[in-house]
């Protein structure tokens, strides 16, 4: 009986040693798996960080391109507004300059026509010249005014903004 008890004790001692080794091996496996998982997480995080950085770089390039295109459009709109202002002021300046020239020409022509030193035929000839000049200038003003109104009519018909609908119904 002693030998069976000793054998059982030896076997129990071997089982304890085996369980202890198994526990140690299990702990090593858990540590090794934890390290492997940690390395994998770091590797995945690094790759994700590189991907995010690459995507961010691409997004920044696209944003820069969009900003450059917007700046070009703003520059073009500035020149377009300047051209529209010039085209609006040109007919007005033409009509005003024409009126100025007509008035100055009329005064100069009348002064020239009346300065004949008593010669009737010279006075008649000069008054005819003044009348022809005034009629040519008046025709020029008429053509300028007609051109201005046709230009304004063209602008109105080309999709220029109109008064809002809600304002038209009120009035």
Protein backbone atom coordinates (compact mmCIF):
# COMPACT_ATOMS: atom_id res chain seq x y z
CA UNK A 1 0.00 0.00 0.00
CA UNK A 2 2.85 2.23 0.68
CA UNK A 3 4.16 1.79 -2.76
CA UNK A 4 0.76 2.60 -4.29
CA UNK A 5 0.53 5.72 -2.16
CA UNK A 6 4.06 6.71 -3.11
CA UNK A 7 3.27 6.12 -6.72
CA UNK A 8 0.17 8.23 -6.46
CA UNK A 9 2.17 10.97 -4.76
CA UNK A 10 4.87 10.79 -7.44
CA UNK A 11 2.18 10.84 -10.12
CA UNK A 12 0.46 13.79 -8.38
CA UNK A 13 3.82 15.56 -8.22
CA UNK A 14 4.36 14.89 -11.95
CA UNK A 15 0.82 16.13 -12.67
CA UNK A 16 1.53 19.32 -10.69
CA UNK A 17 4.75 19.81 -12.61
CA UNK A 18 2.96 19.15 -15.88
CA UNK A 19 0.13 21.53 -14.96
CA UNK A 20 2.68 24.13 -13.87
CA UNK A 21 4.56 23.74 -17.17
CA UNK A 22 1.27 23.90 -19.07
CA UNK A 23 0.31 27.07 -17.19
CA UNK A 24 3.71 28.60 -17.91
CA UNK A 25 3.44 27.59 -21.57
CA UNK A 26 -0.08 29.02 -21.70
CA UNK A 27 1.14 32.25 -20.15
CA UNK A 28 4.01 32.44 -22.67
CA UNK A 29 1.57 31.79 -25.51
CA UNK A 30 -0.73 34.51 -24.19
CA UNK A 31 2.20 36.97 -23.93
CA UNK A 32 3.44 36.01 -27.39
CA UNK A 33 -0.08 36.39 -28.83
CA UNK A 34 -0.45 39.78 -27.08
CA UNK A 35 2.86 40.93 -28.56
CA UNK A 36 1.85 39.68 -32.01
CA UNK A 37 -1.51 41.44 -31.73
CA UNK A 38 0.20 44.62 -30.56
CA UNK A 39 2.64 44.48 -33.50
CA UNK A 40 -0.22 43.84 -35.92
CA UNK A 41 -2.20 46.77 -34.49
CA UNK A 42 0.84 49.04 -34.79
CA UNK A 43 1.45 47.88 -38.36
CA UNK A 44 -2.21 48.39 -39.31
CA UNK A 45 -2.26 51.79 -37.58
CA UNK A 46 0.88 52.81 -39.48
CA UNK A 47 -0.62 51.72 -42.80
CA UNK A 48 -3.89 53.49 -41.98
CA UNK A 49 -1.97 56.61 -41.04
CA UNK A 50 -0.06 56.51 -44.34
CA UNK A 51 -3.33 56.00 -46.25
CA UNK A 52 -5.00 58.88 -44.42
CA UNK A 53 -1.96 61.09 -45.04
CA UNK A 54 -2.00 60.21 -48.74
CA UNK A 55 -5.74 60.91 -48.97
CA UNK A 56 -5.26 64.18 -47.09
CA UNK A 57 -2.48 65.19 -49.49
CA UNK A 58 -4.75 64.47 -52.45
CA UNK A 59 -7.59 66.41 -50.86
CA UNK A 60 -5.25 69.36 -50.25
CA UNK A 61 -4.15 69.30 -53.90
CA UNK A 62 -7.78 69.28 -55.05
CA UNK A 63 -8.61 72.12 -52.65
CA UNK A 64 -5.67 74.13 -54.03
CA UNK A 65 -6.89 73.49 -57.58
CA UNK A 66 -10.41 74.57 -56.65
CA UNK A 67 -9.09 77.73 -54.98
CA UNK A 68 -6.97 78.54 -58.06
CA UNK A 69 -9.99 78.02 -60.35
CA UNK A 70 -12.10 80.24 -58.08
CA UNK A 71 -9.44 82.94 -58.19
CA UNK A 72 -9.40 82.74 -62.01
CA UNK A 73 -13.18 83.07 -62.10
CA UNK A 74 -13.10 86.04 -59.75
CA UNK A 75 -10.44 87.67 -61.93
CA UNK A 76 -12.52 87.05 -65.06
CA UNK A 77 -15.63 88.40 -63.37
CA UNK A 78 -13.72 91.53 -62.41
CA UNK A 79 -12.70 92.13 -66.02
CA UNK A 80 -16.21 91.27 -67.18
CA UNK A 81 -17.66 93.84 -64.78
CA UNK A 82 -15.14 96.44 -65.95
CA UNK A 83 -16.02 95.73 -69.59
CA UNK A 84 -19.76 95.96 -68.82
CA UNK A 85 -19.23 99.27 -67.07
CA UNK A 86 -17.19 100.56 -70.01
CA UNK A 87 -19.85 99.42 -72.48
CA UNK A 88 -22.50 101.12 -70.37
CA UNK A 89 -20.62 104.40 -70.13
CA UNK A 90 -19.49 104.49 -73.77
CA UNK A 91 -22.90 105.29 -75.30
CA UNK A 92 -23.59 107.83 -72.58
CA UNK A 93 -20.23 109.50 -73.12
CA UNK A 94 -20.82 109.48 -76.88
CA UNK A 95 -24.18 111.23 -76.56
CA UNK A 96 -22.84 113.77 -74.03
CA UNK A 97 -19.78 114.51 -76.17
CA UNK A 98 -22.01 114.86 -79.23
CA UNK A 99 -24.25 117.35 -77.46
CA UNK A 100 -21.23 119.29 -76.28
CA UNK A 101 -19.82 119.40 -79.81
CA UNK A 102 -23.20 120.49 -81.23
CA UNK A 103 -23.53 123.34 -78.76
CA UNK A 104 -19.93 124.45 -79.23
CA UNK A 105 -20.28 124.17 -83.00
CA UNK A 106 -23.52 126.13 -82.96
CA UNK A 107 -21.97 129.01 -81.02
CA UNK A 108 -18.82 128.96 -83.14
CA UNK A 109 -20.83 128.71 -86.37
CA UNK A 110 -23.16 131.55 -85.42
CA UNK A 111 -20.20 133.72 -84.49
CA UNK A 112 -18.44 132.82 -87.74
CA UNK A 113 -21.61 133.38 -89.82
CA UNK A 114 -22.28 136.79 -88.30
CA UNK A 115 -18.72 138.03 -88.78
CA UNK A 116 -19.04 138.95 -92.48
CA UNK A 117 -18.26 142.68 -92.40
CA UNK A 118 -21.47 143.63 -94.20
CA UNK A 119 -21.16 141.20 -97.15
CA UNK A 120 -24.63 139.72 -97.68
CA UNK A 121 -23.57 136.87 -99.94
CA UNK A 122 -20.76 135.86 -97.62
CA UNK A 123 -23.28 135.86 -94.74
CA UNK A 124 -25.75 133.73 -96.73
CA UNK A 125 -23.01 131.27 -97.69
CA UNK A 126 -21.76 131.02 -94.14
CA UNK A 127 -25.29 130.57 -92.75
CA UNK A 128 -25.85 127.74 -95.27
CA UNK A 129 -22.59 126.13 -94.15
CA UNK A 130 -23.66 126.45 -90.50
CA UNK A 131 -27.09 124.97 -91.30
CA UNK A 132 -25.50 122.02 -93.12
CA UNK A 133 -23.10 121.46 -90.24
CA UNK A 134 -25.87 121.59 -87.66
CA UNK A 135 -28.03 119.19 -89.67
CA UNK A 136 -25.14 116.70 -90.04
CA UNK A 137 -24.43 116.89 -86.32
CA UNK A 138 -28.13 116.50 -85.49
CA UNK A 139 -28.27 113.42 -87.72
CA UNK A 140 -25.17 112.08 -85.95
CA UNK A 141 -26.86 112.59 -82.57
CA UNK A 142 -29.97 110.84 -83.87
CA UNK A 143 -27.92 107.84 -85.05
CA UNK A 144 -26.02 107.77 -81.75
CA UNK A 145 -29.23 107.82 -79.73
CA UNK A 146 -30.73 105.09 -81.94
CA UNK A 147 -27.58 102.97 -81.49
CA UNK A 148 -27.72 103.48 -77.71
CA UNK A 149 -31.36 102.40 -77.50
CA UNK A 150 -30.72 99.31 -79.66
CA UNK A 151 -27.76 98.41 -77.45
CA UNK A 152 -29.88 98.73 -74.30
CA UNK A 153 -32.65 96.67 -75.93
CA UNK A 154 -30.13 93.97 -76.80
CA UNK A 155 -28.87 93.91 -73.22
CA UNK A 156 -32.41 93.67 -71.85
CA UNK A 157 -33.19 90.73 -74.14
CA UNK A 158 -30.00 88.80 -73.34
CA UNK A 159 -31.02 87.44 -69.96
CA UNK A 160 -30.03 90.33 -67.76
CA UNK A 161 -31.62 90.07 -64.31
CA UNK A 162 -35.11 91.47 -64.01
CA UNK A 163 -37.09 92.84 -61.12
CA UNK A 164 -38.18 90.02 -58.76
CA UNK A 165 -41.60 88.53 -59.36
CA UNK A 166 -42.88 89.33 -55.88
CA UNK A 167 -42.18 93.04 -56.43
CA UNK A 168 -43.99 93.11 -59.77
CA UNK A 169 -47.20 91.70 -58.24
CA UNK A 170 -47.24 94.30 -55.45
CA UNK A 171 -46.95 97.37 -57.65
